[in-house]
Amino acid sequence: AASDFEQVFYYAEDYHQQYLAKPGARPYCSAQPQEVPLPPYSEWAPADFSEEARERHAPKLPEAFWDKHAPTPHCVIRAPHDP
């Protein structure tokens, strides 16, 4: 409960809540991409994953997508945001 904390916490205004999940939101690259590619999933997937878990957590987009659309340093995703 809020009373468990010494410092009072206030939620931001509604328009700040879940910003990227809202219709019309313009995503941005706050992660500052470093242009360091990941090795293939098969090399870093947890060894103790079952075959079903490996498939479920495998990348969903092909490498060709990332070759064309990978983020770059200081990028802003420029896409239409009309409904």
N, C-alpha and C. Protein backbone atom coordinates (compact mmCIF):
# COMPACT_ATOMS: atom_id res chain seq x y z
N ALA A 1 0.84 -1.19 0.00
CA ALA A 1 0.00 0.00 0.00
C ALA A 1 0.88 1.25 0.00
N ALA A 2 0.32 2.33 -0.45
CA ALA A 2 1.07 3.59 -0.51
C ALA A 2 1.57 3.99 0.87
N SER A 3 0.85 3.65 1.91
CA SER A 3 1.25 4.03 3.27
C SER A 3 2.49 3.29 3.75
N ASP A 4 2.94 2.27 3.01
CA ASP A 4 4.15 1.53 3.37
C ASP A 4 5.42 2.30 3.04
N PHE A 5 5.30 3.38 2.29
CA PHE A 5 6.47 4.13 1.85
C PHE A 5 6.56 5.46 2.57
N GLU A 6 7.81 5.87 2.84
CA GLU A 6 8.03 7.14 3.54
C GLU A 6 7.77 8.33 2.63
N GLN A 7 8.13 8.22 1.36
CA GLN A 7 7.99 9.33 0.43
C GLN A 7 6.70 9.17 -0.37
N VAL A 8 5.99 10.24 -0.57
CA VAL A 8 4.74 10.21 -1.33
C VAL A 8 5.08 10.10 -2.81
N PHE A 9 4.36 9.24 -3.50
CA PHE A 9 4.53 9.05 -4.94
C PHE A 9 3.27 9.50 -5.65
N TYR A 10 3.43 10.30 -6.70
CA TYR A 10 2.29 10.77 -7.48
C TYR A 10 2.41 10.23 -8.90
N TYR A 11 1.33 9.68 -9.42
CA TYR A 11 1.32 9.27 -10.81
C TYR A 11 1.34 10.50 -11.69
N ALA A 12 1.92 10.36 -12.88
CA ALA A 12 1.93 11.45 -13.85
C ALA A 12 0.52 11.63 -14.41
N GLU A 13 0.35 12.71 -15.13
CA GLU A 13 -0.94 12.96 -15.76
C GLU A 13 -1.30 11.80 -16.68
N ASP A 14 -2.58 11.63 -16.93
CA ASP A 14 -3.05 10.50 -17.72
C ASP A 14 -2.38 10.42 -19.08
N TYR A 15 -2.15 11.57 -19.73
CA TYR A 15 -1.57 11.53 -21.07
C TYR A 15 -0.13 11.01 -21.08
N HIS A 16 0.51 10.92 -19.92
CA HIS A 16 1.85 10.33 -19.83
C HIS A 16 1.81 8.83 -19.58
N GLN A 17 0.69 8.30 -19.12
CA GLN A 17 0.59 6.89 -18.76
C GLN A 17 0.53 6.03 -20.02
N GLN A 18 1.34 4.98 -20.05
CA GLN A 18 1.35 4.02 -21.16
C GLN A 18 1.44 4.74 -22.51
N TYR A 19 2.32 5.71 -22.60
CA TYR A 19 2.43 6.55 -23.78
C TYR A 19 2.54 5.75 -25.07
N LEU A 20 3.46 4.79 -25.13
CA LEU A 20 3.70 4.08 -26.38
C LEU A 20 2.57 3.13 -26.74
N ALA A 21 1.71 2.79 -25.81
CA ALA A 21 0.60 1.88 -26.09
C ALA A 21 -0.63 2.61 -26.62
N LYS A 22 -0.60 3.93 -26.60
CA LYS A 22 -1.78 4.69 -27.00
C LYS A 22 -1.82 4.90 -28.51
N PRO A 23 -3.03 4.89 -29.10
CA PRO A 23 -3.15 5.16 -30.53
C PRO A 23 -2.54 6.51 -30.89
N GLY A 24 -1.80 6.53 -31.97
CA GLY A 24 -1.18 7.78 -32.43
C GLY A 24 0.15 8.08 -31.77
N ALA A 25 0.61 7.21 -30.87
CA ALA A 25 1.91 7.45 -30.23
C ALA A 25 3.02 7.36 -31.26
N ARG A 26 4.00 8.20 -31.13
CA ARG A 26 5.14 8.16 -32.05
C ARG A 26 6.33 7.59 -31.29
N PRO A 27 6.65 6.32 -31.56
CA PRO A 27 7.77 5.70 -30.87
C PRO A 27 9.08 6.44 -31.15
N TYR A 28 9.99 6.33 -30.26
CA TYR A 28 11.31 6.93 -30.42
C TYR A 28 12.35 5.97 -29.85
N CYS A 29 13.56 6.17 -30.20
CA CYS A 29 14.62 5.24 -29.81
C CYS A 29 15.34 5.73 -28.56
N SER A 30 14.73 5.58 -27.44
CA SER A 30 15.35 6.04 -26.21
C SER A 30 16.45 5.09 -25.74
N ALA A 31 16.53 3.92 -26.33
CA ALA A 31 17.55 2.95 -25.91
C ALA A 31 18.92 3.26 -26.48
N GLN A 32 19.02 4.25 -27.35
CA GLN A 32 20.28 4.61 -27.98
C GLN A 32 20.98 3.39 -28.57
N PRO A 33 20.49 2.87 -29.68
CA PRO A 33 21.06 1.67 -30.30
C PRO A 33 22.56 1.83 -30.53
N GLN A 34 23.29 0.75 -30.33
CA GLN A 34 24.74 0.77 -30.47
C GLN A 34 25.22 0.12 -31.76
N GLU A 35 24.30 -0.36 -32.58
CA GLU A 35 24.61 -1.03 -33.83
C GLU A 35 25.51 -2.25 -33.61
N VAL A 36 25.27 -2.96 -32.53
CA VAL A 36 25.99 -4.20 -32.26
C VAL A 36 24.99 -5.33 -32.47
N PRO A 37 25.19 -6.15 -33.50
CA PRO A 37 24.21 -7.19 -33.78
C PRO A 37 24.25 -8.32 -32.76
N LEU A 38 23.10 -8.91 -32.53
CA LEU A 38 23.03 -10.11 -31.69
C LEU A 38 23.49 -11.31 -32.49
N PRO A 39 24.12 -12.26 -31.85
CA PRO A 39 24.41 -13.51 -32.57
C PRO A 39 23.10 -14.24 -32.85
N PRO A 40 23.12 -15.28 -33.68
CA PRO A 40 21.90 -16.02 -33.95
C PRO A 40 21.26 -16.53 -32.66
N TYR A 41 19.95 -16.57 -32.64
CA TYR A 41 19.19 -17.00 -31.47
C TYR A 41 19.66 -18.36 -30.96
N SER A 42 19.97 -19.24 -31.86
CA SER A 42 20.40 -20.58 -31.46
C SER A 42 21.66 -20.56 -30.58
N GLU A 43 22.44 -19.49 -30.68
CA GLU A 43 23.67 -19.39 -29.89
C GLU A 43 23.45 -18.81 -28.49
N TRP A 44 22.37 -18.06 -28.30
CA TRP A 44 22.17 -17.44 -26.98
C TRP A 44 20.89 -17.86 -26.28
N ALA A 45 20.04 -18.63 -26.92
CA ALA A 45 18.82 -19.11 -26.26
C ALA A 45 19.22 -19.99 -25.08
N PRO A 46 18.53 -19.90 -23.97
CA PRO A 46 18.87 -20.72 -22.81
C PRO A 46 18.91 -22.22 -23.15
N ALA A 47 19.97 -22.87 -22.75
CA ALA A 47 20.16 -24.27 -23.08
C ALA A 47 19.10 -25.17 -22.46
N ASP A 48 18.53 -24.75 -21.34
CA ASP A 48 17.54 -25.60 -20.66
C ASP A 48 16.12 -25.38 -21.17
N PHE A 49 15.94 -24.57 -22.20
CA PHE A 49 14.62 -24.38 -22.80
C PHE A 49 14.20 -25.67 -23.51
N SER A 50 12.93 -26.01 -23.40
CA SER A 50 12.39 -27.12 -24.18
C SER A 50 12.29 -26.65 -25.64
N GLU A 51 12.10 -27.59 -26.53
CA GLU A 51 11.95 -27.23 -27.95
C GLU A 51 10.75 -26.29 -28.13
N GLU A 52 9.66 -26.57 -27.40
CA GLU A 52 8.46 -25.73 -27.49
C GLU A 52 8.77 -24.30 -27.01
N ALA A 53 9.51 -24.18 -25.92
CA ALA A 53 9.87 -22.86 -25.39
C ALA A 53 10.81 -22.14 -26.34
N ARG A 54 11.74 -22.84 -26.94
CA ARG A 54 12.65 -22.22 -27.91
C ARG A 54 11.85 -21.63 -29.08
N GLU A 55 10.88 -22.39 -29.58
CA GLU A 55 10.07 -21.90 -30.69
C GLU A 55 9.23 -20.70 -30.26
N ARG A 56 8.64 -20.77 -29.08
CA ARG A 56 7.77 -19.69 -28.59
C ARG A 56 8.54 -18.39 -28.41
N HIS A 57 9.80 -18.46 -27.99
CA HIS A 57 10.58 -17.26 -27.70
C HIS A 57 11.54 -16.87 -28.82
N ALA A 58 11.50 -17.60 -29.90
CA ALA A 58 12.40 -17.30 -31.02
C ALA A 58 12.01 -15.96 -31.67
N PRO A 59 12.96 -15.30 -32.31
CA PRO A 59 12.63 -14.04 -33.00
C PRO A 59 11.51 -14.25 -34.01
N LYS A 60 10.64 -13.29 -34.09
CA LYS A 60 9.48 -13.39 -34.98
C LYS A 60 9.73 -12.75 -36.34
N LEU A 61 10.66 -11.83 -36.42
CA LEU A 61 10.95 -11.16 -37.68
C LEU A 61 12.22 -11.72 -38.29
N PRO A 62 12.25 -11.88 -39.60
CA PRO A 62 13.44 -12.42 -40.26
C PRO A 62 14.60 -11.42 -40.24
N GLU A 63 15.80 -11.94 -40.41
CA GLU A 63 16.99 -11.08 -40.46
C GLU A 63 16.87 -10.02 -41.55
N ALA A 64 16.23 -10.36 -42.66
CA ALA A 64 16.08 -9.41 -43.77
C ALA A 64 15.34 -8.15 -43.32
N PHE A 65 14.38 -8.31 -42.40
CA PHE A 65 13.67 -7.15 -41.86
C PHE A 65 14.65 -6.22 -41.16
N TRP A 66 15.50 -6.79 -40.29
CA TRP A 66 16.43 -5.97 -39.51
C TRP A 66 17.53 -5.39 -40.38
N ASP A 67 17.89 -6.09 -41.45
CA ASP A 67 18.87 -5.54 -42.39
C ASP A 67 18.37 -4.22 -42.97
N LYS A 68 17.06 -4.16 -43.19
CA LYS A 68 16.48 -2.96 -43.80
C LYS A 68 16.03 -1.93 -42.77
N HIS A 69 15.49 -2.39 -41.63
CA HIS A 69 14.83 -1.47 -40.70
C HIS A 69 15.51 -1.34 -39.33
N ALA A 70 16.70 -1.81 -39.19
CA ALA A 70 17.37 -1.74 -37.88
C ALA A 70 17.52 -0.29 -37.43
N PRO A 71 17.42 -0.04 -36.13
CA PRO A 71 17.60 1.33 -35.64
C PRO A 71 19.04 1.79 -35.80
N THR A 72 19.20 3.07 -35.86
CA THR A 72 20.52 3.67 -35.95
C THR A 72 20.68 4.64 -34.77
N PRO A 73 21.91 5.00 -34.43
CA PRO A 73 22.09 5.94 -33.31
C PRO A 73 21.29 7.23 -33.54
N HIS A 74 20.69 7.71 -32.49
CA HIS A 74 19.91 8.96 -32.49
C HIS A 74 18.73 8.92 -33.44
N CYS A 75 18.18 7.73 -33.65
CA CYS A 75 17.09 7.61 -34.62
C CYS A 75 15.77 8.07 -34.02
N VAL A 76 14.91 8.47 -34.90
CA VAL A 76 13.51 8.73 -34.58
C VAL A 76 12.75 7.95 -35.65
N ILE A 77 11.83 7.11 -35.23
CA ILE A 77 11.08 6.33 -36.20
C ILE A 77 10.12 7.27 -36.90
N ARG A 78 10.31 7.43 -38.15
CA ARG A 78 9.46 8.35 -38.92
C ARG A 78 8.42 7.52 -39.67
N ALA A 79 7.24 7.53 -39.15
CA ALA A 79 6.15 6.76 -39.74
C ALA A 79 4.87 7.55 -39.58
N PRO A 80 3.94 7.37 -40.51
CA PRO A 80 2.68 8.07 -40.34
C PRO A 80 1.97 7.59 -39.09
N HIS A 81 1.29 8.44 -38.41
CA HIS A 81 0.59 8.04 -37.20
C HIS A 81 -0.90 8.31 -37.29
N ASP A 82 -1.39 8.44 -38.52
CA ASP A 82 -2.83 8.57 -38.72
C ASP A 82 -3.50 7.22 -38.47
N PRO A 83 -4.73 7.23 -37.99
CA PRO A 83 -5.43 5.95 -37.75
C PRO A 83 -5.68 5.20 -39.05
